[in-house]
């Protein structure tokens, strides 16, 4: 049998693909809802890339109470770095939407384009990763974390008591994973 060549599809996954088979049990309404959420996720990816480009170029957006505009303008105003990877190990890393560390103040801002309420824990993990990667003691710095979502800005100023336990879990859980990888390897 000579199979058709679909090299253009390599690395891609269809929305109605076999690996995400649950759709075979969906109604028409449920598949329409799931696909709408999928499109919203794709739009969020494009908006993040747009915001990162604006920040990198220093291109402010019109001043307004809109989520994207506030996020971009604040990041530019605070001279933040967009889409910065933070790395502890191959088992624990992430990308902060925008980050800066200046004069003992760590700022991390997160742009949320979806409707599901965001959780500050994500930003606290970024703060822990920053402290681990750059060997900064949380007790020696101030931190301001912000989530931009639904035309609002949520603020949190974590303390060392918030961040140190997360750092400890990262270190401990990384060791657990490494040990399993060694046993499997």
Protein backbone atom coordinates (compact mmCIF):
# COMPACT_ATOMS: atom_id res chain seq x y z
CA UNK A 1 0.00 0.00 0.00
CA UNK A 2 1.30 3.43 -0.89
CA UNK A 3 -0.01 5.82 1.77
CA UNK A 4 -0.73 9.45 0.95
CA UNK A 5 2.00 11.90 1.91
CA UNK A 6 0.85 14.39 4.57
CA UNK A 7 4.22 15.85 5.56
CA UNK A 8 2.57 19.26 5.97
CA UNK A 9 0.70 17.86 8.98
CA UNK A 10 3.77 16.64 10.92
CA UNK A 11 3.78 17.88 14.49
CA UNK A 12 0.19 19.12 14.27
CA UNK A 13 -2.89 17.83 16.05
CA UNK A 14 -6.41 18.13 14.66
CA UNK A 15 -9.11 19.44 16.96
CA UNK A 16 -11.11 16.30 16.16
CA UNK A 17 -8.07 14.06 16.43
CA UNK A 18 -7.66 10.61 17.88
CA UNK A 19 -5.35 11.66 20.72
CA UNK A 20 -8.12 13.82 22.23
CA UNK A 21 -10.87 11.32 21.64
CA UNK A 22 -13.42 12.62 24.17
CA UNK A 23 -15.14 14.61 21.43
CA UNK A 24 -16.80 11.42 20.12
CA UNK A 25 -19.12 11.67 23.15
CA UNK A 26 -19.93 15.39 22.66
CA UNK A 27 -23.17 16.88 21.44
CA UNK A 28 -23.11 19.51 18.68
CA UNK A 29 -23.46 22.23 21.33
CA UNK A 30 -20.59 20.83 23.40
CA UNK A 31 -18.24 20.55 20.40
CA UNK A 32 -19.14 24.13 19.42
CA UNK A 33 -18.36 25.30 22.98
CA UNK A 34 -15.09 23.33 23.10
CA UNK A 35 -14.01 24.71 19.73
CA UNK A 36 -14.84 28.27 20.82
CA UNK A 37 -12.59 27.77 23.87
CA UNK A 38 -9.86 26.40 21.59
CA UNK A 39 -10.10 29.51 19.39
CA UNK A 40 -9.95 31.74 22.47
CA UNK A 41 -6.75 29.98 23.55
CA UNK A 42 -5.24 30.59 20.11
CA UNK A 43 -6.27 34.26 20.28
CA UNK A 44 -4.63 34.50 23.71
CA UNK A 45 -1.38 33.18 22.24
CA UNK A 46 -1.49 35.83 19.51
CA UNK A 47 -2.29 38.58 22.04
CA UNK A 48 0.67 37.51 24.22
CA UNK A 49 2.98 37.70 21.20
CA UNK A 50 1.56 41.12 20.28
CA UNK A 51 2.02 42.39 23.84
CA UNK A 52 5.60 41.10 23.97
CA UNK A 53 6.37 42.85 20.68
CA UNK A 54 4.89 46.14 21.93
CA UNK A 55 6.91 45.91 25.17
CA UNK A 56 10.12 45.05 23.33
CA UNK A 57 9.64 48.00 20.99
CA UNK A 58 8.51 50.37 23.75
CA UNK A 59 5.27 50.95 21.83
CA UNK A 60 2.62 52.01 24.31
CA UNK A 61 -1.06 51.44 23.57
CA UNK A 62 -3.79 54.06 24.00
CA UNK A 63 -4.40 54.71 27.69
CA UNK A 64 -7.54 52.88 28.78
CA UNK A 65 -8.87 50.46 31.37
CA UNK A 66 -8.58 47.58 28.91
CA UNK A 67 -6.56 44.59 30.09
CA UNK A 68 -4.09 44.48 27.20
CA UNK A 69 -3.47 48.24 27.20
CA UNK A 70 -2.88 48.39 30.97
CA UNK A 71 -0.57 45.38 30.84
CA UNK A 72 1.56 46.65 27.95
CA UNK A 73 1.78 50.23 29.22
CA UNK A 74 2.70 49.18 32.76
CA UNK A 75 5.37 46.77 31.52
CA UNK A 76 6.90 49.51 29.38
CA UNK A 77 6.66 52.02 32.21
CA UNK A 78 8.47 49.68 34.60
CA UNK A 79 11.04 48.74 31.92
CA UNK A 80 10.15 45.06 32.14
CA UNK A 81 11.44 42.21 30.01
CA UNK A 82 8.68 40.31 28.18
CA UNK A 83 8.45 36.52 27.85
CA UNK A 84 11.44 35.76 30.08
CA UNK A 85 12.21 32.10 30.71
CA UNK A 86 13.04 31.23 34.33
CA UNK A 87 14.93 27.97 34.82
CA UNK A 88 15.68 25.79 37.81
CA UNK A 89 16.08 22.44 36.05
CA UNK A 90 14.79 20.50 33.06
CA UNK A 91 11.95 19.46 35.38
CA UNK A 92 10.96 22.93 36.56
CA UNK A 93 10.99 26.07 34.46
CA UNK A 94 8.51 28.56 33.08
CA UNK A 95 8.14 31.79 31.17
CA UNK A 96 7.05 34.97 32.93
CA UNK A 97 4.91 37.22 30.75
CA UNK A 98 6.96 40.21 31.95
CA UNK A 99 9.53 40.61 34.70
CA UNK A 100 11.99 43.10 36.13
CA UNK A 101 14.39 43.17 39.04
CA UNK A 102 15.72 46.57 40.00
CA UNK A 103 16.79 48.16 43.29
CA UNK A 104 15.75 45.12 45.32
CA UNK A 105 12.24 44.96 43.82
CA UNK A 106 11.11 41.93 41.82
CA UNK A 107 8.11 42.65 39.59
CA UNK A 108 6.26 39.92 37.74
CA UNK A 109 3.19 40.71 35.63
CA UNK A 110 0.90 38.17 34.00
CA UNK A 111 -1.52 38.81 31.14
CA UNK A 112 -4.64 36.65 31.28
CA UNK A 113 -6.86 36.76 28.20
CA UNK A 114 -9.29 34.01 29.23
CA UNK A 115 -12.35 34.12 31.44
CA UNK A 116 -11.24 31.48 33.96
CA UNK A 117 -10.07 33.31 37.10
CA UNK A 118 -6.29 33.47 37.38
CA UNK A 119 -4.34 32.25 40.39
CA UNK A 120 -1.55 34.19 42.06
CA UNK A 121 0.23 30.88 42.80
CA UNK A 122 1.48 30.84 39.21
CA UNK A 123 3.28 34.14 39.73
CA UNK A 124 4.62 32.99 43.11
CA UNK A 125 6.17 29.99 41.31
CA UNK A 126 7.83 32.41 38.89
CA UNK A 127 9.15 34.38 41.88
CA UNK A 128 10.50 31.16 43.42
CA UNK A 129 12.14 30.20 40.11
CA UNK A 130 13.71 33.66 39.87
CA UNK A 131 15.12 33.37 43.39
CA UNK A 132 16.50 29.88 42.72
CA UNK A 133 18.01 30.71 39.34
CA UNK A 134 19.61 33.98 40.39
CA UNK A 135 20.42 32.87 43.96
CA UNK A 136 18.40 35.69 45.53
CA UNK A 137 17.04 35.23 49.06
CA UNK A 138 13.33 36.15 49.16
CA UNK A 139 13.83 37.75 52.58
CA UNK A 140 16.29 40.22 51.04
CA UNK A 141 13.93 41.63 48.39
CA UNK A 142 10.49 43.14 47.91
CA UNK A 143 8.10 41.60 45.40
CA UNK A 144 5.07 42.86 43.53
CA UNK A 145 3.06 40.41 41.47
CA UNK A 146 0.24 41.52 39.19
CA UNK A 147 -2.40 39.70 37.20
CA UNK A 148 -4.10 41.63 34.40
CA UNK A 149 -7.48 40.10 33.57
CA UNK A 150 -11.04 41.22 32.77
CA UNK A 151 -10.01 44.90 32.69
CA UNK A 152 -8.74 44.66 36.28
CA UNK A 153 -5.35 44.41 37.92
CA UNK A 154 -4.87 42.11 40.91
CA UNK A 155 -1.89 42.92 43.14
CA UNK A 156 0.01 40.71 45.58
CA UNK A 157 3.12 41.40 47.63
CA UNK A 158 4.35 37.99 48.75
CA UNK A 159 6.84 37.60 51.57
CA UNK A 160 9.67 35.15 52.09
CA UNK A 161 7.18 33.05 54.09
CA UNK A 162 5.14 32.67 50.88
CA UNK A 163 8.03 31.99 48.48
CA UNK A 164 10.50 29.86 50.48
CA UNK A 165 8.09 26.87 50.81
CA UNK A 166 7.59 26.92 47.03
CA UNK A 167 11.36 27.00 46.49
CA UNK A 168 11.72 24.06 48.89
CA UNK A 169 9.07 22.07 47.00
CA UNK A 170 10.76 22.79 43.67
CA UNK A 171 14.08 21.51 45.04
CA UNK A 172 12.54 18.45 46.70
CA UNK A 173 10.24 17.47 43.85
CA UNK A 174 13.03 17.96 41.31
CA UNK A 175 15.12 15.45 43.30
CA UNK A 176 12.22 12.97 43.28
CA UNK A 177 11.87 13.26 39.50
CA UNK A 178 15.62 13.02 38.93
CA UNK A 179 15.76 9.83 41.01
CA UNK A 180 12.96 8.26 38.97
CA UNK A 181 14.68 9.26 35.73
CA UNK A 182 17.94 7.65 36.94
CA UNK A 183 16.10 4.42 37.81
CA UNK A 184 14.38 4.38 34.41
CA UNK A 185 17.49 5.37 32.47
